[in-house]
PDB file of N, CA and C in Angstrom:
ATOM      1  N   MET A   1      62.333 148.982  80.509  1.00  0.00           N
ATOM      2  CA  MET A   1      63.649 149.579  80.429  1.00  0.00           C
ATOM      3  C   MET A   1      64.549 148.943  81.497  1.00  0.00           C
ATOM      4  N   THR A   2      65.737 148.568  81.125  1.00  0.00           N
ATOM      5  CA  THR A   2      66.687 147.938  82.026  1.00  0.00           C
ATOM      6  C   THR A   2      67.447 149.000  82.806  1.00  0.00           C
ATOM      7  N   GLU A   3      67.565 148.773  84.102  1.00  0.00           N
ATOM      8  CA  GLU A   3      68.322 149.693  84.942  1.00  0.00           C
ATOM      9  C   GLU A   3      69.809 149.538  84.637  1.00  0.00           C
ATOM     10  N   ARG A   4      70.481 150.639  84.426  1.00  0.00           N
ATOM     11  CA  ARG A   4      71.921 150.603  84.168  1.00  0.00           C
ATOM     12  C   ARG A   4      72.642 150.873  85.473  1.00  0.00           C
ATOM     13  N   ARG A   5      73.637 150.094  85.732  1.00  0.00           N
ATOM     14  CA  ARG A   5      74.442 150.267  86.927  1.00  0.00           C
ATOM     15  C   ARG A   5      75.876 150.506  86.510  1.00  0.00           C
ATOM     16  N   SER A   6      76.516 151.374  87.198  1.00  0.00           N
ATOM     17  CA  SER A   6      77.938 151.590  86.938  1.00  0.00           C
ATOM     18  C   SER A   6      78.695 151.395  88.244  1.00  0.00           C
ATOM     19  N   TYR A   7      79.901 150.965  88.094  1.00  0.00           N
ATOM     20  CA  TYR A   7      80.748 150.698  89.247  1.00  0.00           C
ATOM     21  C   TYR A   7      82.071 151.418  89.069  1.00  0.00           C
ATOM     22  N   SER A   8      82.615 151.846  90.176  1.00  0.00           N
ATOM     23  CA  SER A   8      83.952 152.428  90.182  1.00  0.00           C
ATOM     24  C   SER A   8      84.795 151.615  91.148  1.00  0.00           C
ATOM     25  N   ARG A   9      86.036 151.434  90.793  1.00  0.00           N
ATOM     26  CA  ARG A   9      86.935 150.666  91.650  1.00  0.00           C
ATOM     27  C   ARG A   9      88.244 151.418  91.811  1.00  0.00           C
ATOM     28  N   VAL A  10      88.818 151.256  92.980  1.00  0.00           N
ATOM     29  CA  VAL A  10      90.187 151.696  93.225  1.00  0.00           C
ATOM     30  C   VAL A  10      90.966 150.456  93.642  1.00  0.00           C
ATOM     31  N   PHE A  11      92.237 150.437  93.327  1.00  0.00           N
ATOM     32  CA  PHE A  11      93.022 149.265  93.694  1.00  0.00           C
ATOM     33  C   PHE A  11      94.426 149.651  94.090  1.00  0.00           C
ATOM     34  N   LEU A  12      95.015 148.777  94.845  1.00  0.00           N
ATOM     35  CA  LEU A  12      96.411 148.883  95.250  1.00  0.00           C
ATOM     36  C   LEU A  12      97.014 147.516  94.951  1.00  0.00           C
ATOM     37  N   ARG A  13      98.004 147.498  94.088  1.00  0.00           N
ATOM     38  CA  ARG A  13      98.606 146.226  93.676  1.00  0.00           C
ATOM     39  C   ARG A  13     100.045 146.133  94.141  1.00  0.00           C
ATOM     40  N   ALA A  14     100.436 144.907  94.420  1.00  0.00           N
ATOM     41  CA  ALA A  14     101.826 144.569  94.742  1.00  0.00           C
ATOM     42  C   ALA A  14     102.366 145.363  95.924  1.00  0.00           C
ATOM     43  N   LEU A  15     101.528 145.504  96.965  1.00  0.00           N
ATOM     44  CA  LEU A  15     102.001 146.107  98.211  1.00  0.00           C
ATOM     45  C   LEU A  15     102.894 145.082  98.890  1.00  0.00           C
ATOM     46  N   ASN A  16     104.170 145.399  99.007  1.00  0.00           N
ATOM     47  CA  ASN A  16     105.137 144.491  99.613  1.00  0.00           C
ATOM     48  C   ASN A  16     105.225 144.777 101.103  1.00  0.00           C
ATOM     49  N   LEU A  17     104.936 143.768 101.891  1.00  0.00           N
ATOM     50  CA  LEU A  17     104.948 143.905 103.343  1.00  0.00           C
ATOM     51  C   LEU A  17     105.902 142.893 103.958  1.00  0.00           C
ATOM     52  N   GLU A  18     106.514 143.271 105.058  1.00  0.00           N
ATOM     53  CA  GLU A  18     107.243 142.327 105.895  1.00  0.00           C
ATOM     54  C   GLU A  18     106.325 142.061 107.073  1.00  0.00           C
ATOM     55  N   ALA A  19     105.759 140.875 107.110  1.00  0.00           N
ATOM     56  CA  ALA A  19     104.695 140.571 108.058  1.00  0.00           C
ATOM     57  C   ALA A  19     105.127 139.549 109.102  1.00  0.00           C
ATOM     58  N   HIS A  20     104.563 139.705 110.274  1.00  0.00           N
ATOM     59  CA  HIS A  20     104.692 138.707 111.330  1.00  0.00           C
ATOM     60  C   HIS A  20     103.571 137.706 111.092  1.00  0.00           C
ATOM     61  N   ILE A  21     103.889 136.667 110.355  1.00  0.00           N
ATOM     62  CA  ILE A  21     102.854 135.720 109.942  1.00  0.00           C
ATOM     63  C   ILE A  21     103.430 134.315 109.875  1.00  0.00           C
ATOM     64  N   GLY A  22     102.650 133.358 110.282  1.00  0.00           N
ATOM     65  CA  GLY A  22     103.061 131.974 110.152  1.00  0.00           C
ATOM     66  C   GLY A  22     102.516 131.101 111.256  1.00  0.00           C
ATOM     67  N   TYR A  23     102.093 129.933 110.873  1.00  0.00           N
ATOM     68  CA  TYR A  23     101.494 128.961 111.777  1.00  0.00           C
ATOM     69  C   TYR A  23     102.546 128.138 112.522  1.00  0.00           C
ATOM     70  N   TYR A  24     103.627 127.819 111.835  1.00  0.00           N
ATOM     71  CA  TYR A  24     104.634 126.917 112.392  1.00  0.00           C
ATOM     72  C   TYR A  24     105.573 127.655 113.344  1.00  0.00           C
ATOM     73  N   GLU A  25     106.130 126.894 114.286  1.00  0.00           N
ATOM     74  CA  GLU A  25     106.983 127.483 115.330  1.00  0.00           C
ATOM     75  C   GLU A  25     108.169 128.253 114.735  1.00  0.00           C
ATOM     76  N   HIS A  26     108.757 127.739 113.657  1.00  0.00           N
ATOM     77  CA  HIS A  26     109.916 128.416 113.056  1.00  0.00           C
ATOM     78  C   HIS A  26     109.527 129.756 112.394  1.00  0.00           C
ATOM     79  N   GLU A  27     108.223 130.003 112.234  1.00  0.00           N
ATOM     80  CA  GLU A  27     107.760 131.258 111.638  1.00  0.00           C
ATOM     81  C   GLU A  27     107.448 132.327 112.687  1.00  0.00           C
ATOM     82  N   LYS A  28     107.437 131.965 113.932  1.00  0.00           N
ATOM     83  CA  LYS A  28     107.120 132.898 115.010  1.00  0.00           C
ATOM     84  C   LYS A  28     108.349 133.755 115.320  1.00  0.00           C
ATOM     85  N   GLY A  29     108.128 135.039 115.537  1.00  0.00           N
ATOM     86  CA  GLY A  29     109.220 135.940 115.922  1.00  0.00           C
ATOM     87  C   GLY A  29     110.066 136.456 114.772  1.00  0.00           C
ATOM     88  N   VAL A  30     109.716 136.095 113.547  1.00  0.00           N
ATOM     89  CA  VAL A  30     110.439 136.597 112.373  1.00  0.00           C
ATOM     90  C   VAL A  30     109.419 137.167 111.394  1.00  0.00           C
ATOM     91  N   THR A  31     109.896 138.033 110.520  1.00  0.00           N
ATOM     92  CA  THR A  31     108.993 138.554 109.494  1.00  0.00           C
ATOM     93  C   THR A  31     109.184 137.767 108.208  1.00  0.00           C
ATOM     94  N   GLN A  32     108.129 137.763 107.401  1.00  0.00           N
ATOM     95  CA  GLN A  32     108.159 137.113 106.106  1.00  0.00           C
ATOM     96  C   GLN A  32     107.503 138.041 105.092  1.00  0.00           C
ATOM     97  N   PRO A  33     107.950 137.990 103.852  1.00  0.00           N
ATOM     98  CA  PRO A  33     107.359 138.874 102.850  1.00  0.00           C
ATOM     99  C   PRO A  33     105.955 138.419 102.450  1.00  0.00           C
ATOM    100  N   LEU A  34     105.094 139.391 102.239  1.00  0.00           N
ATOM    101  CA  LEU A  34     103.780 139.187 101.649  1.00  0.00           C
ATOM    102  C   LEU A  34     103.643 140.157 100.490  1.00  0.00           C
ATOM    103  N   VAL A  35     102.912 139.760  99.479  1.00  0.00           N
ATOM    104  CA  VAL A  35     102.560 140.642  98.368  1.00  0.00           C
ATOM    105  C   VAL A  35     101.040 140.710  98.348  1.00  0.00           C
ATOM    106  N   VAL A  36     100.515 141.933  98.489  1.00  0.00           N
ATOM    107  CA  VAL A  36      99.086 142.126  98.702  1.00  0.00           C
ATOM    108  C   VAL A  36      98.490 142.982  97.591  1.00  0.00           C
ATOM    109  N   ASP A  37      97.346 142.539  97.077  1.00  0.00           N
ATOM    110  CA  ASP A  37      96.530 143.320  96.153  1.00  0.00           C
ATOM    111  C   ASP A  37      95.181 143.551  96.817  1.00  0.00           C
ATOM    112  N   VAL A  38      94.701 144.787  96.744  1.00  0.00           N
ATOM    113  CA  VAL A  38      93.384 145.133  97.278  1.00  0.00           C
ATOM    114  C   VAL A  38      92.626 145.874  96.186  1.00  0.00           C
ATOM    115  N   GLU A  39      91.407 145.449  95.935  1.00  0.00           N
ATOM    116  CA  GLU A  39      90.545 146.135  94.975  1.00  0.00           C
ATOM    117  C   GLU A  39      89.220 146.434  95.667  1.00  0.00           C
ATOM    118  N   LEU A  40      88.879 147.704  95.740  1.00  0.00           N
ATOM    119  CA  LEU A  40      87.645 148.145  96.382  1.00  0.00           C
ATOM    120  C   LEU A  40      86.645 148.611  95.344  1.00  0.00           C
ATOM    121  N   THR A  41      85.445 148.075  95.409  1.00  0.00           N
ATOM    122  CA  THR A  41      84.336 148.575  94.600  1.00  0.00           C
ATOM    123  C   THR A  41      83.641 149.632  95.436  1.00  0.00           C
ATOM    124  N   LEU A  42      83.432 150.791  94.825  1.00  0.00           N
ATOM    125  CA  LEU A  42      82.888 151.924  95.562  1.00  0.00           C
ATOM    126  C   LEU A  42      81.408 152.116  95.297  1.00  0.00           C
ATOM    127  N   ALA A  43      80.720 152.506  96.326  1.00  0.00           N
ATOM    128  CA  ALA A  43      79.330 152.921  96.208  1.00  0.00           C
ATOM    129  C   ALA A  43      79.321 154.443  96.087  1.00  0.00           C
ATOM    130  N   GLU A  44      78.625 154.939  95.109  1.00  0.00           N
ATOM    131  CA  GLU A  44      78.469 156.383  94.940  1.00  0.00           C
ATOM    132  C   GLU A  44      79.795 157.127  94.808  1.00  0.00           C
ATOM    133  N   ALA A  45      80.697 156.598  94.026  1.00  0.00           N
ATOM    134  CA  ALA A  45      81.965 157.287  93.782  1.00  0.00           C
ATOM    135  C   ALA A  45      81.732 158.497  92.908  1.00  0.00           C
ATOM    136  N   ASN A  46      82.521 159.516  93.148  1.00  0.00           N
ATOM    137  CA  ASN A  46      82.453 160.722  92.336  1.00  0.00           C
ATOM    138  C   ASN A  46      83.872 161.096  91.937  1.00  0.00           C
ATOM    139  N   PHE A  47      84.273 160.655  90.770  1.00  0.00           N
ATOM    140  CA  PHE A  47      85.635 160.902  90.306  1.00  0.00           C
ATOM    141  C   PHE A  47      85.745 162.181  89.481  1.00  0.00           C
ATOM    142  N   GLY A  48      84.627 162.813  89.159  1.00  0.00           N
ATOM    143  CA  GLY A  48      84.642 163.938  88.236  1.00  0.00           C
ATOM    144  C   GLY A  48      85.001 165.280  88.822  1.00  0.00           C
ATOM    145  N   ASN A  49      85.053 165.392  90.149  1.00  0.00           N
ATOM    146  CA  ASN A  49      85.274 166.724  90.710  1.00  0.00           C
ATOM    147  C   ASN A  49      86.658 166.926  91.325  1.00  0.00           C
ATOM    148  N   ASP A  50      87.566 166.004  91.128  1.00  0.00           N
ATOM    149  CA  ASP A  50      88.943 166.138  91.596  1.00  0.00           C
ATOM    150  C   ASP A  50      89.031 166.310  93.113  1.00  0.00           C
ATOM    151  N   ASP A  51      88.127 165.627  93.838  1.00  0.00           N
ATOM    152  CA  ASP A  51      88.068 165.704  95.297  1.00  0.00           C
ATOM    153  C   ASP A  51      88.351 164.328  95.865  1.00  0.00           C
ATOM    154  N   ILE A  52      89.351 164.216  96.713  1.00  0.00           N
ATOM    155  CA  ILE A  52      89.707 162.917  97.283  1.00  0.00           C
ATOM    156  C   ILE A  52      88.576 162.356  98.146  1.00  0.00           C
ATOM    157  N   GLY A  53      87.650 163.203  98.583  1.00  0.00           N
ATOM    158  CA  GLY A  53      86.503 162.743  99.347  1.00  0.00           C
ATOM    159  C   GLY A  53      85.548 161.889  98.538  1.00  0.00           C
ATOM    160  N   GLY A  54      85.684 161.903  97.223  1.00  0.00           N
ATOM    161  CA  GLY A  54      84.831 161.099  96.353  1.00  0.00           C
ATOM    162  C   GLY A  54      85.392 159.723  96.065  1.00  0.00           C
ATOM    163  N   THR A  55      86.494 159.374  96.731  1.00  0.00           N
ATOM    164  CA  THR A  55      87.141 158.087  96.480  1.00  0.00           C
ATOM    165  C   THR A  55      87.678 157.554  97.802  1.00  0.00           C
ATOM    166  N   ILE A  56      88.565 156.581  97.749  1.00  0.00           N
ATOM    167  CA  ILE A  56      89.253 156.072  98.939  1.00  0.00           C
ATOM    168  C   ILE A  56      90.746 156.247  98.702  1.00  0.00           C
ATOM    169  N   ASP A  57      91.408 156.846  99.657  1.00  0.00           N
ATOM    170  CA  ASP A  57      92.831 157.164  99.572  1.00  0.00           C
ATOM    171  C   ASP A  57      93.671 155.882  99.594  1.00  0.00           C
ATOM    172  N   TYR A  58      94.482 155.682  98.572  1.00  0.00           N
ATOM    173  CA  TYR A  58      95.338 154.497  98.477  1.00  0.00           C
ATOM    174  C   TYR A  58      96.287 154.379  99.669  1.00  0.00           C
ATOM    175  N   ASP A  59      96.771 155.519 100.157  1.00  0.00           N
ATOM    176  CA  ASP A  59      97.682 155.498 101.304  1.00  0.00           C
ATOM    177  C   ASP A  59      97.009 154.908 102.537  1.00  0.00           C
ATOM    178  N   LYS A  60      95.714 155.131 102.683  1.00  0.00           N
ATOM    179  CA  LYS A  60      94.989 154.567 103.825  1.00  0.00           C
ATOM    180  C   LYS A  60      94.866 153.052 103.699  1.00  0.00           C
ATOM    181  N   ILE A  61      94.697 152.566 102.496  1.00  0.00           N
ATOM    182  CA  ILE A  61      94.643 151.114 102.270  1.00  0.00           C
ATOM    183  C   ILE A  61      96.000 150.496 102.628  1.00  0.00           C
ATOM    184  N   ALA A  62      97.077 151.121 102.163  1.00  0.00           N
ATOM    185  CA  ALA A  62      98.427 150.629 102.444  1.00  0.00           C
ATOM    186  C   ALA A  62      98.706 150.665 103.947  1.00  0.00           C
ATOM    187  N   ALA A  63      98.262 151.711 104.619  1.00  0.00           N
ATOM    188  CA  ALA A  63      98.486 151.833 106.065  1.00  0.00           C
ATOM    189  C   ALA A  63      97.793 150.711 106.832  1.00  0.00           C
ATOM    190  N   ILE A  64      96.610 150.321 106.391  1.00  0.00           N
ATOM    191  CA  ILE A  64      95.911 149.208 107.032  1.00  0.00           C
ATOM    192  C   ILE A  64      96.732 147.928 106.888  1.00  0.00           C
ATOM    193  N   GLY A  65      97.234 147.668 105.685  1.00  0.00           N
ATOM    194  CA  GLY A  65      98.059 146.483 105.462  1.00  0.00           C
ATOM    195  C   GLY A  65      99.306 146.493 106.327  1.00  0.00           C
ATOM    196  N   ARG A  66      99.975 147.627 106.407  1.00  0.00           N
ATOM    197  CA  ARG A  66     101.194 147.727 107.231  1.00  0.00           C
ATOM    198  C   ARG A  66     100.874 147.519 108.705  1.00  0.00           C
ATOM    199  N   ASP A  67      99.769 148.088 109.154  1.00  0.00           N
ATOM    200  CA  ASP A  67      99.359 147.936 110.550  1.00  0.00           C
ATOM    201  C   ASP A  67      99.091 146.464 110.874  1.00  0.00           C
ATOM    202  N   LEU A  68      98.372 145.784 110.010  1.00  0.00           N
ATOM    203  CA  LEU A  68      98.079 144.368 110.241  1.00  0.00           C
ATOM    204  C   LEU A  68      99.340 143.511 110.203  1.00  0.00           C
ATOM    205  N   ALA A  69     100.297 143.878 109.379  1.00  0.00           N
ATOM    206  CA  ALA A  69     101.542 143.105 109.254  1.00  0.00           C
ATOM    207  C   ALA A  69     102.414 143.215 110.501  1.00  0.00           C
ATOM    208  N   ALA A  70     102.183 144.232 111.314  1.00  0.00           N
ATOM    209  CA  ALA A  70     103.013 144.473 112.492  1.00  0.00           C
ATOM    210  C   ALA A  70     102.691 143.529 113.650  1.00  0.00           C
ATOM    211  N   SER A  71     101.504 142.945 113.669  1.00  0.00           N
ATOM    212  CA  SER A  71     101.110 142.017 114.731  1.00  0.00           C
ATOM    213  C   SER A  71     101.035 140.601 114.172  1.00  0.00           C
ATOM    214  N   HIS A  72     101.451 139.641 114.978  1.00  0.00           N
ATOM    215  CA  HIS A  72     101.495 138.262 114.481  1.00  0.00           C
ATOM    216  C   HIS A  72     100.102 137.704 114.202  1.00  0.00           C
ATOM    217  N   VAL A  73     100.004 137.049 113.051  1.00  0.00           N
ATOM    218  CA  VAL A  73      98.816 136.307 112.636  1.00  0.00           C
ATOM    219  C   VAL A  73      99.322 134.951 112.140  1.00  0.00           C
ATOM    220  N   ASP A  74      98.627 133.896 112.497  1.00  0.00           N
ATOM    221  CA  ASP A  74      99.071 132.570 112.058  1.00  0.00           C
ATOM    222  C   ASP A  74      98.820 132.321 110.572  1.00  0.00           C
ATOM    223  N   LEU A  75      97.621 132.656 110.102  1.00  0.00           N
ATOM    224  CA  LEU A  75      97.210 132.239 108.763  1.00  0.00           C
ATOM    225  C   LEU A  75      97.037 133.402 107.787  1.00  0.00           C
ATOM    226  N   LEU A  76      97.390 133.153 106.537  1.00  0.00           N
ATOM    227  CA  LEU A  76      97.128 134.128 105.477  1.00  0.00           C
ATOM    228  C   LEU A  76      95.644 134.438 105.384  1.00  0.00           C
ATOM    229  N   GLU A  77      94.829 133.420 105.561  1.00  0.00           N
ATOM    230  CA  GLU A  77      93.384 133.591 105.485  1.00  0.00           C
ATOM    231  C   GLU A  77      92.887 134.604 106.521  1.00  0.00           C
ATOM    232  N   THR A  78      93.447 134.533 107.721  1.00  0.00           N
ATOM    233  CA  THR A  78      93.076 135.475 108.780  1.00  0.00           C
ATOM    234  C   THR A  78      93.538 136.880 108.430  1.00  0.00           C
ATOM    235  N   PHE A  79      94.758 136.998 107.922  1.00  0.00           N
ATOM    236  CA  PHE A  79      95.273 138.303 107.504  1.00  0.00           C
ATOM    237  C   PHE A  79      94.366 138.914 106.441  1.00  0.00           C
ATOM    238  N   ALA A  80      94.017 138.127 105.423  1.00  0.00           N
ATOM    239  CA  ALA A  80      93.168 138.621 104.339  1.00  0.00           C
ATOM    240  C   ALA A  80      91.794 139.037 104.852  1.00  0.00           C
ATOM    241  N   GLU A  81      91.229 138.252 105.726  1.00  0.00           N
ATOM    242  CA  GLU A  81      89.900 138.570 106.276  1.00  0.00           C
ATOM    243  C   GLU A  81      89.936 139.871 107.079  1.00  0.00           C
ATOM    244  N   ARG A  82      90.940 140.038 107.894  1.00  0.00           N
ATOM    245  CA  ARG A  82      91.058 141.277 108.683  1.00  0.00           C
ATOM    246  C   ARG A  82      91.266 142.494 107.789  1.00  0.00           C
ATOM    247  N   LEU A  83      92.076 142.342 106.774  1.00  0.00           N
ATOM    248  CA  LEU A  83      92.290 143.435 105.835  1.00  0.00           C
ATOM    249  C   LEU A  83      90.993 143.785 105.117  1.00  0.00           C
ATOM    250  N   ALA A  84      90.267 142.781 104.680  1.00  0.00           N
ATOM    251  CA  ALA A  84      89.000 143.020 103.987  1.00  0.00           C
ATOM    252  C   ALA A  84      88.006 143.743 104.888  1.00  0.00           C
ATOM    253  N   GLN A  85      87.879 143.292 106.115  1.00  0.00           N
ATOM    254  CA  GLN A  85      86.913 143.911 107.021  1.00  0.00           C
ATOM    255  C   GLN A  85      87.275 145.365 107.330  1.00  0.00           C
ATOM    256  N   ARG A  86      88.548 145.646 107.485  1.00  0.00           N
ATOM    257  CA  ARG A  86      88.959 147.039 107.738  1.00  0.00           C
ATOM    258  C   ARG A  86      88.720 147.910 106.510  1.00  0.00           C
ATOM    259  N   CYS A  87      88.922 147.369 105.322  1.00  0.00           N
ATOM    260  CA  CYS A  87      88.661 148.138 104.100  1.00  0.00           C
ATOM    261  C   CYS A  87      87.166 148.380 103.907  1.00  0.00           C
ATOM    262  N   LEU A  88      86.350 147.418 104.283  1.00  0.00           N
ATOM    263  CA  LEU A  88      84.902 147.597 104.156  1.00  0.00           C
ATOM    264  C   LEU A  88      84.368 148.656 105.127  1.00  0.00           C
ATOM    265  N   ALA A  89      85.165 149.028 106.108  1.00  0.00           N
ATOM    266  CA  ALA A  89      84.745 150.072 107.050  1.00  0.00           C
ATOM    267  C   ALA A  89      84.752 151.465 106.414  1.00  0.00           C
ATOM    268  N   PHE A  90      85.429 151.625 105.269  1.00  0.00           N
ATOM    269  CA  PHE A  90      85.375 152.913 104.573  1.00  0.00           C
ATOM    270  C   PHE A  90      83.939 153.172 104.136  1.00  0.00           C
ATOM    271  N   ASP A  91      83.485 154.405 104.315  1.00  0.00           N
ATOM    272  CA  ASP A  91      82.104 154.753 103.975  1.00  0.00           C
ATOM    273  C   ASP A  91      81.747 154.396 102.535  1.00  0.00           C
ATOM    274  N   ARG A  92      82.619 154.652 101.612  1.00  0.00           N
ATOM    275  CA  ARG A  92      82.311 154.459 100.194  1.00  0.00           C
ATOM    276  C   ARG A  92      82.492 153.024  99.711  1.00  0.00           C
ATOM    277  N   ALA A  93      83.058 152.161 100.545  1.00  0.00           N
ATOM    278  CA  ALA A  93      83.331 150.780 100.128  1.00  0.00           C
ATOM    279  C   ALA A  93      82.046 149.960 100.065  1.00  0.00           C
ATOM    280  N   ALA A  94      81.829 149.306  98.932  1.00  0.00           N
ATOM    281  CA  ALA A  94      80.685 148.405  98.766  1.00  0.00           C
ATOM    282  C   ALA A  94      81.134 146.943  98.744  1.00  0.00           C
ATOM    283  N   ALA A  95      82.335 146.698  98.246  1.00  0.00           N
ATOM    284  CA  ALA A  95      82.889 145.346  98.181  1.00  0.00           C
ATOM    285  C   ALA A  95      84.409 145.457  98.139  1.00  0.00           C
ATOM    286  N   VAL A  96      85.063 144.375  98.523  1.00  0.00           N
ATOM    287  CA  VAL A  96      86.520 144.353  98.490  1.00  0.00           C
ATOM    288  C   VAL A  96      86.995 142.969  98.066  1.00  0.00           C
ATOM    289  N   ARG A  97      88.034 142.977  97.254  1.00  0.00           N
ATOM    290  CA  ARG A  97      88.735 141.747  96.885  1.00  0.00           C
ATOM    291  C   ARG A  97      90.140 141.885  97.438  1.00  0.00           C
ATOM    292  N   VAL A  98      90.576 140.897  98.202  1.00  0.00           N
ATOM    293  CA  VAL A  98      91.921 140.897  98.779  1.00  0.00           C
ATOM    294  C   VAL A  98      92.631 139.645  98.287  1.00  0.00           C
ATOM    295  N   HIS A  99      93.810 139.848  97.721  1.00  0.00           N
ATOM    296  CA  HIS A  99      94.650 138.766  97.206  1.00  0.00           C
ATOM    297  C   HIS A  99      95.990 138.877  97.928  1.00  0.00           C
ATOM    298  N   VAL A 100      96.402 137.811  98.624  1.00  0.00           N
ATOM    299  CA  VAL A 100      97.651 137.835  99.386  1.00  0.00           C
ATOM    300  C   VAL A 100      98.506 136.645  98.966  1.00  0.00           C
ATOM    301  N   GLU A 101      99.761 136.922  98.646  1.00  0.00           N
ATOM    302  CA  GLU A 101     100.719 135.874  98.303  1.00  0.00           C
ATOM    303  C   GLU A 101     101.833 135.855  99.340  1.00  0.00           C
ATOM    304  N   LYS A 102     102.287 134.643  99.665  1.00  0.00           N
ATOM    305  CA  LYS A 102     103.377 134.444 100.623  1.00  0.00           C
ATOM    306  C   LYS A 102     104.491 133.683  99.907  1.00  0.00           C
ATOM    307  N   PRO A 103     105.464 134.412  99.357  1.00  0.00           N
ATOM    308  CA  PRO A 103     106.472 133.802  98.484  1.00  0.00           C
ATOM    309  C   PRO A 103     107.291 132.676  99.101  1.00  0.00           C
ATOM    310  N   ARG A 104     107.515 132.705 100.411  1.00  0.00           N
ATOM    311  CA  ARG A 104     108.376 131.683 101.024  1.00  0.00           C
ATOM    312  C   ARG A 104     107.604 130.532 101.660  1.00  0.00           C
ATOM    313  N   ALA A 105     106.312 130.478 101.495  1.00  0.00           N
ATOM    314  CA  ALA A 105     105.501 129.460 102.177  1.00  0.00           C
ATOM    315  C   ALA A 105     105.804 128.043 101.694  1.00  0.00           C
ATOM    316  N   VAL A 106     105.938 127.869 100.395  1.00  0.00           N
ATOM    317  CA  VAL A 106     106.160 126.540  99.821  1.00  0.00           C
ATOM    318  C   VAL A 106     107.332 126.643  98.843  1.00  0.00           C
ATOM    319  N   PRO A 107     108.413 125.922  99.090  1.00  0.00           N
ATOM    320  CA  PRO A 107     109.552 125.996  98.171  1.00  0.00           C
ATOM    321  C   PRO A 107     109.137 125.667  96.737  1.00  0.00           C
ATOM    322  N   GLY A 108     109.558 126.512  95.808  1.00  0.00           N
ATOM    323  CA  GLY A 108     109.294 126.290  94.399  1.00  0.00           C
ATOM    324  C   GLY A 108     107.894 126.640  93.943  1.00  0.00           C
ATOM    325  N   ALA A 109     107.110 127.303  94.813  1.00  0.00           N
ATOM    326  CA  ALA A 109     105.733 127.649  94.459  1.00  0.00           C
ATOM    327  C   ALA A 109     105.336 128.962  95.131  1.00  0.00           C
ATOM    328  N   MET A 110     104.234 129.509  94.673  1.00  0.00           N
ATOM    329  CA  MET A 110     103.670 130.703  95.304  1.00  0.00           C
ATOM    330  C   MET A 110     102.367 130.295  95.964  1.00  0.00           C
ATOM    331  N   ALA A 111     102.290 130.440  97.268  1.00  0.00           N
ATOM    332  CA  ALA A 111     101.070 130.135  98.013  1.00  0.00           C
ATOM    333  C   ALA A 111     100.328 131.424  98.284  1.00  0.00           C
ATOM    334  N   GLY A 112      99.017 131.331  98.377  1.00  0.00           N
ATOM    335  CA  GLY A 112      98.259 132.537  98.659  1.00  0.00           C
ATOM    336  C   GLY A 112      96.801 132.264  98.861  1.00  0.00           C
ATOM    337  N   VAL A 113      96.077 133.348  99.045  1.00  0.00           N
ATOM    338  CA  VAL A 113      94.648 133.302  99.272  1.00  0.00           C
ATOM    339  C   VAL A 113      94.022 134.523  98.629  1.00  0.00           C
ATOM    340  N   GLU A 114      92.780 134.370  98.181  1.00  0.00           N
ATOM    341  CA  GLU A 114      92.027 135.485  97.645  1.00  0.00           C
ATOM    342  C   GLU A 114      90.608 135.390  98.170  1.00  0.00           C
ATOM    343  N   ILE A 115      90.108 136.517  98.665  1.00  0.00           N
ATOM    344  CA  ILE A 115      88.734 136.555  99.160  1.00  0.00           C
ATOM    345  C   ILE A 115      88.006 137.747  98.569  1.00  0.00           C
ATOM    346  N   LEU A 116      86.706 137.616  98.477  1.00  0.00           N
ATOM    347  CA  LEU A 116      85.837 138.690  98.037  1.00  0.00           C
ATOM    348  C   LEU A 116      84.762 138.850  99.098  1.00  0.00           C
ATOM    349  N   ARG A 117      84.608 140.075  99.607  1.00  0.00           N
ATOM    350  CA  ARG A 117      83.598 140.356 100.622  1.00  0.00           C
ATOM    351  C   ARG A 117      82.758 141.536 100.160  1.00  0.00           C
ATOM    352  N   VAL A 118      81.465 141.442 100.406  1.00  0.00           N
ATOM    353  CA  VAL A 118      80.526 142.477 100.011  1.00  0.00           C
ATOM    354  C   VAL A 118      79.882 143.030 101.272  1.00  0.00           C
ATOM    355  N   LYS A 119      79.754 144.339 101.322  1.00  0.00           N
ATOM    356  CA  LYS A 119      79.143 145.002 102.483  1.00  0.00           C
ATOM    357  C   LYS A 119      77.658 144.792 102.473  1.00  0.00           C
TER     358      LYS A 119
END
């Protein structure tokens, strides 16, 4: 008999942040827009009892992103990694996918990074 596994996910899409981010000197001291998607795979989620304790609060995910955006980071990759690690600190988090876009990074294009981390 094959073991059946089920997964539950919560996500936050298109979180618009004004972030202190950028490697180049002209990017220091100014904010730039980021668009962030976070998808958390939950271990032992319980969505059937209408209790927020059985999931991860979306507002807490957004607060982590806003907090990270307030301090300067040079690279999108570093921002994404820090966001992923903070999200994995939630008790119910088993894995996280973080997708970050920086609309003004490259004229005429959308630059970004996506990472997947498993606890």
